[in-house]
N, C-alpha and C. Protein backbone atom coordinates (compact mmCIF):
# COMPACT_ATOMS: atom_id res chain seq x y z
N MET A 1 2.12 -9.83 -19.95
CA MET A 1 1.70 -9.63 -18.58
C MET A 1 1.74 -8.13 -18.27
N GLY A 2 1.19 -7.76 -17.10
CA GLY A 2 1.08 -6.34 -16.81
C GLY A 2 1.51 -5.99 -15.40
N ARG A 3 1.37 -4.72 -15.11
CA ARG A 3 1.70 -4.22 -13.78
C ARG A 3 0.54 -3.44 -13.22
N ALA A 4 0.57 -3.25 -11.91
CA ALA A 4 -0.46 -2.47 -11.22
C ALA A 4 0.21 -1.65 -10.12
N LEU A 5 -0.39 -0.50 -9.85
CA LEU A 5 0.02 0.34 -8.72
C LEU A 5 -0.85 -0.04 -7.53
N LEU A 6 -0.21 -0.41 -6.42
CA LEU A 6 -0.95 -0.68 -5.19
C LEU A 6 -0.84 0.54 -4.28
N VAL A 7 -1.98 1.01 -3.80
CA VAL A 7 -2.06 2.11 -2.84
C VAL A 7 -2.58 1.48 -1.56
N ILE A 8 -1.68 1.30 -0.59
CA ILE A 8 -1.97 0.44 0.55
C ILE A 8 -2.08 1.24 1.85
N ASP A 9 -3.20 1.07 2.52
CA ASP A 9 -3.45 1.65 3.85
C ASP A 9 -3.37 3.17 3.87
N VAL A 10 -3.68 3.81 2.77
CA VAL A 10 -3.72 5.28 2.75
C VAL A 10 -5.15 5.67 3.14
N GLN A 11 -5.44 5.36 4.41
CA GLN A 11 -6.76 5.53 5.00
C GLN A 11 -6.76 6.76 5.89
N GLN A 12 -7.92 7.35 6.06
CA GLN A 12 -8.04 8.60 6.81
C GLN A 12 -7.35 8.53 8.17
N ALA A 13 -7.65 7.52 8.96
CA ALA A 13 -7.10 7.44 10.32
C ALA A 13 -5.59 7.24 10.30
N ILE A 14 -5.08 6.51 9.33
CA ILE A 14 -3.63 6.27 9.25
C ILE A 14 -2.91 7.53 8.79
N VAL A 15 -3.46 8.20 7.80
CA VAL A 15 -2.86 9.46 7.34
C VAL A 15 -2.84 10.47 8.48
N ASP A 16 -3.95 10.57 9.21
CA ASP A 16 -4.02 11.51 10.33
C ASP A 16 -2.94 11.22 11.37
N LEU A 17 -2.61 9.96 11.56
CA LEU A 17 -1.63 9.56 12.56
C LEU A 17 -0.19 9.80 12.10
N VAL A 18 0.09 9.58 10.82
CA VAL A 18 1.47 9.51 10.34
C VAL A 18 1.90 10.70 9.48
N ASP A 19 0.99 11.29 8.71
CA ASP A 19 1.41 12.32 7.75
C ASP A 19 2.05 13.50 8.46
N ASP A 20 3.20 13.86 7.98
CA ASP A 20 4.00 14.92 8.61
C ASP A 20 3.87 16.26 7.89
N GLY A 21 2.93 16.38 6.98
CA GLY A 21 2.75 17.63 6.26
C GLY A 21 3.78 17.86 5.17
N SER A 22 4.45 16.79 4.75
CA SER A 22 5.52 16.90 3.76
C SER A 22 5.04 16.81 2.31
N GLY A 23 3.75 16.75 2.10
CA GLY A 23 3.23 16.61 0.74
C GLY A 23 3.03 15.17 0.31
N TYR A 24 3.00 14.27 1.28
CA TYR A 24 2.85 12.84 0.98
C TYR A 24 1.65 12.55 0.10
N LEU A 25 0.47 13.04 0.48
CA LEU A 25 -0.74 12.74 -0.31
C LEU A 25 -0.64 13.28 -1.72
N SER A 26 0.00 14.40 -1.89
CA SER A 26 0.19 14.96 -3.23
C SER A 26 1.06 14.04 -4.09
N ARG A 27 2.09 13.47 -3.51
CA ARG A 27 2.96 12.54 -4.26
C ARG A 27 2.20 11.26 -4.61
N VAL A 28 1.40 10.76 -3.68
CA VAL A 28 0.61 9.56 -3.98
C VAL A 28 -0.39 9.87 -5.09
N ARG A 29 -1.02 11.03 -5.01
CA ARG A 29 -1.97 11.42 -6.06
C ARG A 29 -1.27 11.53 -7.42
N THR A 30 -0.06 12.05 -7.45
CA THR A 30 0.71 12.13 -8.69
C THR A 30 0.97 10.74 -9.26
N ALA A 31 1.33 9.79 -8.40
CA ALA A 31 1.55 8.41 -8.85
C ALA A 31 0.26 7.80 -9.40
N ILE A 32 -0.84 8.04 -8.73
CA ILE A 32 -2.13 7.52 -9.18
C ILE A 32 -2.50 8.11 -10.54
N GLU A 33 -2.35 9.42 -10.68
CA GLU A 33 -2.69 10.07 -11.94
C GLU A 33 -1.79 9.58 -13.08
N ALA A 34 -0.51 9.37 -12.80
CA ALA A 34 0.41 8.86 -13.82
C ALA A 34 0.01 7.44 -14.24
N ALA A 35 -0.34 6.62 -13.25
CA ALA A 35 -0.76 5.25 -13.55
C ALA A 35 -2.03 5.26 -14.41
N ARG A 36 -3.01 6.04 -14.00
CA ARG A 36 -4.26 6.10 -14.77
C ARG A 36 -4.00 6.57 -16.20
N ALA A 37 -3.16 7.58 -16.37
CA ALA A 37 -2.87 8.12 -17.70
C ALA A 37 -2.18 7.08 -18.59
N ALA A 38 -1.44 6.17 -17.98
CA ALA A 38 -0.73 5.13 -18.73
C ALA A 38 -1.49 3.80 -18.76
N ASP A 39 -2.75 3.82 -18.33
CA ASP A 39 -3.58 2.61 -18.29
C ASP A 39 -2.99 1.51 -17.41
N VAL A 40 -2.28 1.92 -16.36
CA VAL A 40 -1.81 0.98 -15.36
C VAL A 40 -2.89 0.91 -14.28
N PRO A 41 -3.43 -0.27 -14.00
CA PRO A 41 -4.49 -0.37 -12.99
C PRO A 41 -4.01 0.13 -11.62
N VAL A 42 -4.89 0.84 -10.94
CA VAL A 42 -4.65 1.28 -9.57
C VAL A 42 -5.53 0.42 -8.68
N ILE A 43 -4.89 -0.27 -7.75
CA ILE A 43 -5.61 -1.15 -6.82
C ILE A 43 -5.36 -0.64 -5.41
N TYR A 44 -6.44 -0.38 -4.70
CA TYR A 44 -6.36 0.10 -3.33
C TYR A 44 -6.49 -1.07 -2.38
N VAL A 45 -5.73 -1.02 -1.29
CA VAL A 45 -5.81 -2.04 -0.26
C VAL A 45 -6.00 -1.33 1.08
N VAL A 46 -7.00 -1.77 1.85
CA VAL A 46 -7.27 -1.18 3.16
C VAL A 46 -7.28 -2.27 4.21
N ILE A 47 -6.97 -1.87 5.43
CA ILE A 47 -7.12 -2.80 6.55
C ILE A 47 -8.45 -2.50 7.23
N ALA A 48 -9.22 -3.54 7.44
CA ALA A 48 -10.49 -3.43 8.16
C ALA A 48 -10.74 -4.76 8.87
N LEU A 49 -11.00 -4.67 10.14
CA LEU A 49 -11.23 -5.86 10.96
C LEU A 49 -12.71 -6.02 11.25
N ARG A 50 -13.13 -7.24 11.44
CA ARG A 50 -14.52 -7.51 11.77
C ARG A 50 -14.85 -7.03 13.19
N PRO A 51 -16.10 -6.68 13.44
CA PRO A 51 -16.49 -6.32 14.81
C PRO A 51 -16.15 -7.46 15.77
N GLY A 52 -15.59 -7.11 16.88
CA GLY A 52 -15.18 -8.12 17.87
C GLY A 52 -13.79 -8.68 17.60
N PHE A 53 -13.21 -8.39 16.47
CA PHE A 53 -11.83 -8.76 16.09
C PHE A 53 -11.56 -10.25 16.15
N PRO A 54 -12.39 -11.09 15.53
CA PRO A 54 -12.14 -12.53 15.59
C PRO A 54 -10.85 -12.95 14.87
N GLU A 55 -10.34 -12.11 13.98
CA GLU A 55 -9.12 -12.46 13.25
C GLU A 55 -7.84 -12.06 13.97
N VAL A 56 -7.96 -11.47 15.15
CA VAL A 56 -6.79 -11.00 15.89
C VAL A 56 -6.37 -12.06 16.91
N GLY A 57 -5.20 -12.64 16.67
CA GLY A 57 -4.67 -13.63 17.60
C GLY A 57 -4.01 -12.96 18.79
N THR A 58 -3.96 -13.65 19.89
CA THR A 58 -3.41 -13.08 21.12
C THR A 58 -1.91 -12.85 21.05
N ARG A 59 -1.20 -13.53 20.16
CA ARG A 59 0.25 -13.37 20.06
C ARG A 59 0.67 -12.34 19.02
N ASN A 60 -0.27 -11.79 18.29
CA ASN A 60 0.07 -10.81 17.26
C ASN A 60 0.00 -9.41 17.85
N ARG A 61 1.11 -8.92 18.34
CA ARG A 61 1.15 -7.64 19.05
C ARG A 61 0.71 -6.47 18.17
N ALA A 62 1.21 -6.44 16.94
CA ALA A 62 0.88 -5.32 16.06
C ALA A 62 -0.61 -5.28 15.75
N LEU A 63 -1.18 -6.42 15.41
CA LEU A 63 -2.60 -6.46 15.08
C LEU A 63 -3.46 -6.18 16.32
N ALA A 64 -3.01 -6.66 17.48
CA ALA A 64 -3.74 -6.38 18.72
C ALA A 64 -3.76 -4.87 18.99
N ALA A 65 -2.65 -4.19 18.71
CA ALA A 65 -2.60 -2.73 18.91
C ALA A 65 -3.55 -2.02 17.95
N ILE A 66 -3.64 -2.52 16.73
CA ILE A 66 -4.56 -1.94 15.74
C ILE A 66 -6.00 -2.15 16.21
N ALA A 67 -6.30 -3.34 16.68
CA ALA A 67 -7.65 -3.63 17.17
C ALA A 67 -7.98 -2.74 18.36
N GLU A 68 -7.02 -2.56 19.25
CA GLU A 68 -7.23 -1.74 20.44
C GLU A 68 -7.54 -0.29 20.07
N ALA A 69 -6.96 0.19 18.98
CA ALA A 69 -7.24 1.57 18.54
C ALA A 69 -8.71 1.74 18.19
N GLY A 70 -9.35 0.66 17.73
CA GLY A 70 -10.79 0.67 17.50
C GLY A 70 -11.27 1.38 16.25
N CYS A 71 -10.40 2.05 15.52
CA CYS A 71 -10.88 2.81 14.35
C CYS A 71 -10.76 2.04 13.05
N TYR A 72 -10.36 0.77 13.12
CA TYR A 72 -10.20 -0.01 11.91
C TYR A 72 -11.22 -1.14 11.80
N VAL A 73 -12.38 -0.95 12.41
CA VAL A 73 -13.47 -1.90 12.29
C VAL A 73 -14.19 -1.62 10.96
N GLU A 74 -14.55 -2.69 10.26
CA GLU A 74 -15.26 -2.53 8.99
C GLU A 74 -16.35 -1.48 9.11
N GLY A 75 -16.34 -0.53 8.18
CA GLY A 75 -17.37 0.50 8.14
C GLY A 75 -17.08 1.73 8.97
N ALA A 76 -16.06 1.67 9.84
CA ALA A 76 -15.71 2.84 10.66
C ALA A 76 -15.05 3.90 9.78
N PRO A 77 -15.18 5.17 10.12
CA PRO A 77 -14.58 6.23 9.31
C PRO A 77 -13.07 6.06 9.09
N GLY A 78 -12.36 5.47 10.04
CA GLY A 78 -10.92 5.28 9.91
C GLY A 78 -10.51 4.33 8.81
N THR A 79 -11.44 3.50 8.35
CA THR A 79 -11.11 2.54 7.29
C THR A 79 -11.28 3.13 5.90
N GLU A 80 -11.85 4.32 5.81
CA GLU A 80 -12.08 4.93 4.50
C GLU A 80 -10.76 5.41 3.89
N ILE A 81 -10.63 5.24 2.59
CA ILE A 81 -9.48 5.76 1.87
C ILE A 81 -9.52 7.28 1.95
N HIS A 82 -8.35 7.88 2.16
CA HIS A 82 -8.29 9.34 2.29
C HIS A 82 -8.90 9.97 1.03
N PRO A 83 -9.78 10.96 1.18
CA PRO A 83 -10.46 11.54 0.02
C PRO A 83 -9.53 12.18 -1.01
N ASP A 84 -8.34 12.59 -0.62
CA ASP A 84 -7.41 13.19 -1.57
C ASP A 84 -6.88 12.20 -2.59
N VAL A 85 -7.00 10.90 -2.31
CA VAL A 85 -6.50 9.88 -3.23
C VAL A 85 -7.56 8.80 -3.49
N ALA A 86 -8.81 9.16 -3.37
CA ALA A 86 -9.91 8.20 -3.45
C ALA A 86 -9.98 7.50 -4.80
N PRO A 87 -10.45 6.27 -4.80
CA PRO A 87 -10.58 5.53 -6.05
C PRO A 87 -11.69 6.09 -6.93
N LEU A 88 -11.52 5.88 -8.22
CA LEU A 88 -12.57 6.20 -9.18
C LEU A 88 -13.54 5.03 -9.24
N PRO A 89 -14.76 5.27 -9.70
CA PRO A 89 -15.69 4.14 -9.88
C PRO A 89 -15.03 3.06 -10.76
N GLY A 90 -15.16 1.83 -10.32
CA GLY A 90 -14.59 0.71 -11.07
C GLY A 90 -13.20 0.30 -10.64
N GLU A 91 -12.50 1.16 -9.87
CA GLU A 91 -11.19 0.75 -9.38
C GLU A 91 -11.38 -0.19 -8.18
N VAL A 92 -10.54 -1.18 -8.12
CA VAL A 92 -10.67 -2.24 -7.12
C VAL A 92 -10.17 -1.75 -5.76
N VAL A 93 -10.94 -2.10 -4.73
CA VAL A 93 -10.54 -1.89 -3.34
C VAL A 93 -10.55 -3.26 -2.66
N VAL A 94 -9.39 -3.65 -2.15
CA VAL A 94 -9.21 -4.94 -1.49
C VAL A 94 -9.15 -4.70 0.02
N THR A 95 -9.85 -5.53 0.78
CA THR A 95 -9.78 -5.46 2.24
C THR A 95 -8.88 -6.58 2.73
N LYS A 96 -7.92 -6.20 3.56
CA LYS A 96 -7.00 -7.18 4.15
C LYS A 96 -7.23 -7.25 5.65
N ARG A 97 -6.73 -8.32 6.25
CA ARG A 97 -6.93 -8.54 7.69
C ARG A 97 -5.62 -8.60 8.46
N ARG A 98 -4.51 -8.45 7.78
CA ARG A 98 -3.18 -8.54 8.39
C ARG A 98 -2.29 -7.45 7.81
N ALA A 99 -1.00 -7.49 8.13
CA ALA A 99 -0.07 -6.46 7.66
C ALA A 99 0.11 -6.51 6.15
N SER A 100 0.39 -7.67 5.59
CA SER A 100 0.62 -7.78 4.16
C SER A 100 -0.68 -7.59 3.39
N ALA A 101 -0.57 -6.95 2.23
CA ALA A 101 -1.74 -6.77 1.38
C ALA A 101 -2.30 -8.11 0.89
N PHE A 102 -1.49 -9.15 0.95
CA PHE A 102 -1.94 -10.47 0.50
C PHE A 102 -2.63 -11.28 1.60
N SER A 103 -2.27 -11.03 2.86
CA SER A 103 -2.76 -11.86 3.97
C SER A 103 -4.21 -11.54 4.31
N GLY A 104 -5.04 -12.54 4.21
CA GLY A 104 -6.45 -12.37 4.54
C GLY A 104 -7.21 -11.59 3.50
N SER A 105 -6.70 -11.57 2.26
CA SER A 105 -7.41 -10.86 1.18
C SER A 105 -7.41 -11.72 -0.08
N ASP A 106 -8.11 -11.23 -1.09
CA ASP A 106 -8.14 -11.93 -2.38
C ASP A 106 -7.25 -11.24 -3.41
N LEU A 107 -6.25 -10.47 -2.95
CA LEU A 107 -5.40 -9.71 -3.85
C LEU A 107 -4.71 -10.60 -4.87
N ASP A 108 -4.12 -11.70 -4.46
CA ASP A 108 -3.40 -12.56 -5.39
C ASP A 108 -4.33 -13.07 -6.49
N VAL A 109 -5.54 -13.45 -6.13
CA VAL A 109 -6.52 -13.93 -7.11
C VAL A 109 -6.84 -12.82 -8.12
N LEU A 110 -7.06 -11.61 -7.63
CA LEU A 110 -7.38 -10.48 -8.51
C LEU A 110 -6.22 -10.18 -9.46
N LEU A 111 -5.01 -10.19 -8.94
CA LEU A 111 -3.85 -9.89 -9.79
C LEU A 111 -3.67 -10.95 -10.87
N ARG A 112 -3.75 -12.20 -10.49
CA ARG A 112 -3.54 -13.29 -11.46
C ARG A 112 -4.66 -13.31 -12.51
N ALA A 113 -5.89 -13.02 -12.09
CA ALA A 113 -7.01 -12.99 -13.05
C ALA A 113 -6.82 -11.89 -14.09
N ARG A 114 -6.13 -10.81 -13.71
CA ARG A 114 -5.89 -9.69 -14.63
C ARG A 114 -4.55 -9.81 -15.37
N GLY A 115 -3.83 -10.88 -15.12
CA GLY A 115 -2.55 -11.06 -15.79
C GLY A 115 -1.46 -10.12 -15.28
N ILE A 116 -1.58 -9.69 -14.04
CA ILE A 116 -0.61 -8.76 -13.46
C ILE A 116 0.50 -9.56 -12.80
N ASP A 117 1.74 -9.30 -13.23
CA ASP A 117 2.88 -10.00 -12.65
C ASP A 117 3.94 -9.06 -12.09
N SER A 118 3.62 -7.77 -12.07
CA SER A 118 4.56 -6.77 -11.57
C SER A 118 3.79 -5.73 -10.76
N LEU A 119 4.33 -5.39 -9.58
CA LEU A 119 3.64 -4.47 -8.68
C LEU A 119 4.49 -3.25 -8.38
N VAL A 120 3.81 -2.13 -8.26
CA VAL A 120 4.42 -0.87 -7.85
C VAL A 120 3.78 -0.54 -6.50
N LEU A 121 4.61 -0.45 -5.46
CA LEU A 121 4.08 -0.32 -4.11
C LEU A 121 4.17 1.10 -3.59
N SER A 122 3.09 1.53 -2.96
CA SER A 122 3.04 2.78 -2.21
C SER A 122 2.18 2.51 -0.98
N GLY A 123 2.42 3.27 0.11
CA GLY A 123 1.56 3.06 1.27
C GLY A 123 2.16 3.49 2.58
N ILE A 124 1.35 3.32 3.61
CA ILE A 124 1.70 3.64 4.98
C ILE A 124 1.45 2.38 5.82
N ALA A 125 2.39 1.88 6.46
CA ALA A 125 3.70 2.37 6.84
C ALA A 125 4.77 1.53 6.15
N THR A 126 5.88 2.19 5.85
CA THR A 126 7.00 1.53 5.18
C THR A 126 7.45 0.30 5.96
N SER A 127 7.51 0.41 7.28
CA SER A 127 8.02 -0.69 8.12
C SER A 127 6.97 -1.73 8.46
N ALA A 128 5.78 -1.57 7.96
CA ALA A 128 4.71 -2.54 8.25
C ALA A 128 4.15 -3.08 6.93
N VAL A 129 3.11 -2.45 6.41
CA VAL A 129 2.44 -2.99 5.23
C VAL A 129 3.34 -3.04 4.00
N VAL A 130 4.16 -2.02 3.79
CA VAL A 130 5.02 -2.04 2.59
C VAL A 130 6.05 -3.16 2.71
N LEU A 131 6.70 -3.24 3.85
CA LEU A 131 7.68 -4.31 4.06
C LEU A 131 7.05 -5.69 3.97
N SER A 132 5.93 -5.91 4.64
CA SER A 132 5.26 -7.21 4.62
C SER A 132 4.80 -7.59 3.22
N THR A 133 4.23 -6.62 2.51
CA THR A 133 3.75 -6.88 1.15
C THR A 133 4.91 -7.16 0.21
N LEU A 134 5.98 -6.39 0.34
CA LEU A 134 7.16 -6.59 -0.50
C LEU A 134 7.73 -7.99 -0.31
N CYS A 135 7.87 -8.43 0.93
CA CYS A 135 8.40 -9.76 1.21
C CYS A 135 7.52 -10.85 0.60
N GLN A 136 6.22 -10.73 0.81
CA GLN A 136 5.32 -11.76 0.29
C GLN A 136 5.25 -11.73 -1.23
N ALA A 137 5.21 -10.54 -1.81
CA ALA A 137 5.17 -10.43 -3.28
C ALA A 137 6.45 -10.99 -3.90
N ASN A 138 7.57 -10.77 -3.24
CA ASN A 138 8.83 -11.33 -3.71
C ASN A 138 8.76 -12.85 -3.70
N ASP A 139 8.25 -13.42 -2.62
CA ASP A 139 8.10 -14.87 -2.53
C ASP A 139 7.13 -15.43 -3.57
N LEU A 140 6.18 -14.59 -4.00
CA LEU A 140 5.20 -15.01 -5.01
C LEU A 140 5.68 -14.73 -6.43
N ASP A 141 6.93 -14.27 -6.56
CA ASP A 141 7.58 -14.04 -7.85
C ASP A 141 7.01 -12.88 -8.66
N PHE A 142 6.50 -11.86 -7.99
CA PHE A 142 6.09 -10.65 -8.69
C PHE A 142 7.32 -9.79 -8.95
N GLY A 143 7.33 -9.10 -10.09
CA GLY A 143 8.30 -8.04 -10.31
C GLY A 143 7.91 -6.89 -9.40
N LEU A 144 8.90 -6.17 -8.86
CA LEU A 144 8.58 -5.18 -7.82
C LEU A 144 9.28 -3.85 -8.02
N THR A 145 8.51 -2.80 -7.79
CA THR A 145 9.02 -1.43 -7.71
C THR A 145 8.42 -0.82 -6.45
N VAL A 146 9.23 -0.08 -5.71
CA VAL A 146 8.76 0.66 -4.54
C VAL A 146 8.93 2.14 -4.83
N LEU A 147 7.87 2.90 -4.64
CA LEU A 147 7.93 4.35 -4.81
C LEU A 147 8.38 4.95 -3.48
N SER A 148 9.64 5.33 -3.42
CA SER A 148 10.26 5.73 -2.15
C SER A 148 9.55 6.90 -1.47
N ASP A 149 9.08 7.85 -2.26
CA ASP A 149 8.43 9.02 -1.65
C ASP A 149 6.91 8.91 -1.63
N ALA A 150 6.39 7.75 -2.02
CA ALA A 150 4.96 7.46 -1.88
C ALA A 150 4.75 6.41 -0.80
N CYS A 151 5.80 6.19 0.00
CA CYS A 151 5.73 5.38 1.20
C CYS A 151 6.03 6.31 2.36
N LEU A 152 5.46 6.02 3.50
CA LEU A 152 5.62 6.89 4.66
C LEU A 152 5.64 6.03 5.92
N ASP A 153 6.41 6.47 6.90
CA ASP A 153 6.50 5.75 8.15
C ASP A 153 6.55 6.73 9.30
N ILE A 154 6.08 6.33 10.45
CA ILE A 154 6.13 7.19 11.62
C ILE A 154 7.58 7.40 12.08
N ASP A 155 8.46 6.49 11.68
CA ASP A 155 9.88 6.58 12.03
C ASP A 155 10.69 6.88 10.76
N PRO A 156 11.06 8.14 10.54
CA PRO A 156 11.78 8.51 9.30
C PRO A 156 13.10 7.77 9.11
N GLU A 157 13.81 7.48 10.18
CA GLU A 157 15.09 6.78 10.05
C GLU A 157 14.88 5.33 9.61
N LEU A 158 13.86 4.68 10.14
CA LEU A 158 13.54 3.31 9.72
C LEU A 158 13.10 3.31 8.25
N HIS A 159 12.28 4.28 7.87
CA HIS A 159 11.89 4.42 6.46
C HIS A 159 13.12 4.53 5.57
N ARG A 160 14.04 5.43 5.94
CA ARG A 160 15.25 5.64 5.14
C ARG A 160 16.06 4.36 5.01
N CYS A 161 16.25 3.66 6.11
CA CYS A 161 17.02 2.42 6.10
C CYS A 161 16.39 1.37 5.19
N LEU A 162 15.09 1.20 5.28
CA LEU A 162 14.41 0.23 4.43
C LEU A 162 14.51 0.62 2.96
N ILE A 163 14.24 1.88 2.65
CA ILE A 163 14.25 2.36 1.27
C ILE A 163 15.65 2.28 0.66
N GLU A 164 16.66 2.63 1.44
CA GLU A 164 18.02 2.70 0.90
C GLU A 164 18.78 1.39 0.98
N ARG A 165 18.49 0.56 1.98
CA ARG A 165 19.34 -0.61 2.19
C ARG A 165 18.66 -1.95 1.94
N LEU A 166 17.43 -2.12 2.41
CA LEU A 166 16.78 -3.43 2.29
C LEU A 166 15.99 -3.58 0.99
N PHE A 167 15.11 -2.64 0.71
CA PHE A 167 14.23 -2.78 -0.45
C PHE A 167 14.97 -2.95 -1.78
N PRO A 168 16.10 -2.28 -2.01
CA PRO A 168 16.79 -2.46 -3.29
C PRO A 168 17.28 -3.89 -3.54
N GLN A 169 17.31 -4.71 -2.51
CA GLN A 169 17.70 -6.11 -2.69
C GLN A 169 16.61 -6.90 -3.44
N TRP A 170 15.37 -6.42 -3.36
CA TRP A 170 14.25 -7.15 -3.95
C TRP A 170 13.49 -6.37 -5.01
N ALA A 171 13.69 -5.06 -5.06
CA ALA A 171 12.83 -4.23 -5.91
C ALA A 171 13.62 -3.06 -6.50
N ASP A 172 13.09 -2.52 -7.58
CA ASP A 172 13.56 -1.23 -8.04
C ASP A 172 12.96 -0.20 -7.10
N VAL A 173 13.76 0.73 -6.65
CA VAL A 173 13.29 1.78 -5.76
C VAL A 173 13.42 3.10 -6.50
N LEU A 174 12.27 3.73 -6.77
CA LEU A 174 12.23 4.97 -7.55
C LEU A 174 11.38 6.01 -6.84
N THR A 175 11.63 7.28 -7.15
CA THR A 175 10.72 8.32 -6.70
C THR A 175 9.49 8.30 -7.61
N VAL A 176 8.44 8.95 -7.19
CA VAL A 176 7.23 9.05 -8.01
C VAL A 176 7.57 9.70 -9.34
N ASP A 177 8.32 10.79 -9.32
CA ASP A 177 8.67 11.47 -10.57
C ASP A 177 9.46 10.58 -11.51
N ASP A 178 10.46 9.87 -10.99
CA ASP A 178 11.25 8.99 -11.85
C ASP A 178 10.41 7.84 -12.41
N TRP A 179 9.54 7.28 -11.60
CA TRP A 179 8.66 6.20 -12.08
C TRP A 179 7.71 6.74 -13.13
N SER A 180 7.14 7.90 -12.90
CA SER A 180 6.19 8.50 -13.85
C SER A 180 6.84 8.68 -15.21
N LYS A 181 8.11 9.04 -15.24
CA LYS A 181 8.83 9.23 -16.51
C LYS A 181 8.96 7.92 -17.28
N THR A 182 8.97 6.79 -16.57
CA THR A 182 9.08 5.50 -17.26
C THR A 182 7.76 5.14 -17.95
N LEU A 183 6.69 5.82 -17.58
CA LEU A 183 5.37 5.50 -18.14
C LEU A 183 5.06 6.26 -19.42
N THR A 184 5.76 7.34 -19.66
CA THR A 184 5.47 8.17 -20.81
C THR A 184 6.59 8.08 -21.84
N PRO A 185 6.23 8.10 -23.11
CA PRO A 185 7.26 8.05 -24.14
C PRO A 185 8.20 9.24 -24.03
N GLN A 186 9.49 9.02 -24.22
CA GLN A 186 10.48 10.09 -24.12
C GLN A 186 10.69 10.76 -25.47
């Protein structure tokens, strides 16, 4: 079986909202380049809602707020993957309709068809898509690694708490550099 690097919600509008100038995109790019060099598939996941937001329920506060922002409609510039970490031709881009990369997408089908049973997670936001995806992937029995410095959140303290206290209960938590070293022969 194999593993894949998931790059989740690293979209132009989200990066513009959350990136603090700390070199986040550079670290994600390093993870992507390391994965490609080691023949680990890179799979991108984006959130994009249909025009009129038929998938947004009235009780889902987070999704309603995303819909209200208006920049995550299919085809809108905000749904595009940030150009600094853009996919290469042939790399898979999955569209999701909820917080988790699995909800409202065909991600599970794609992973199982490729024999992937282990995931390496990166993305924005740690307290939303990364947390939701980690929980669901754990329930689906995937092996899990979280790249601590390739995840980002608007709330640094919440990010720290999740990375240091919650995520290690379900996943290996590594920096991009430490994970990259596991991909190359020593």
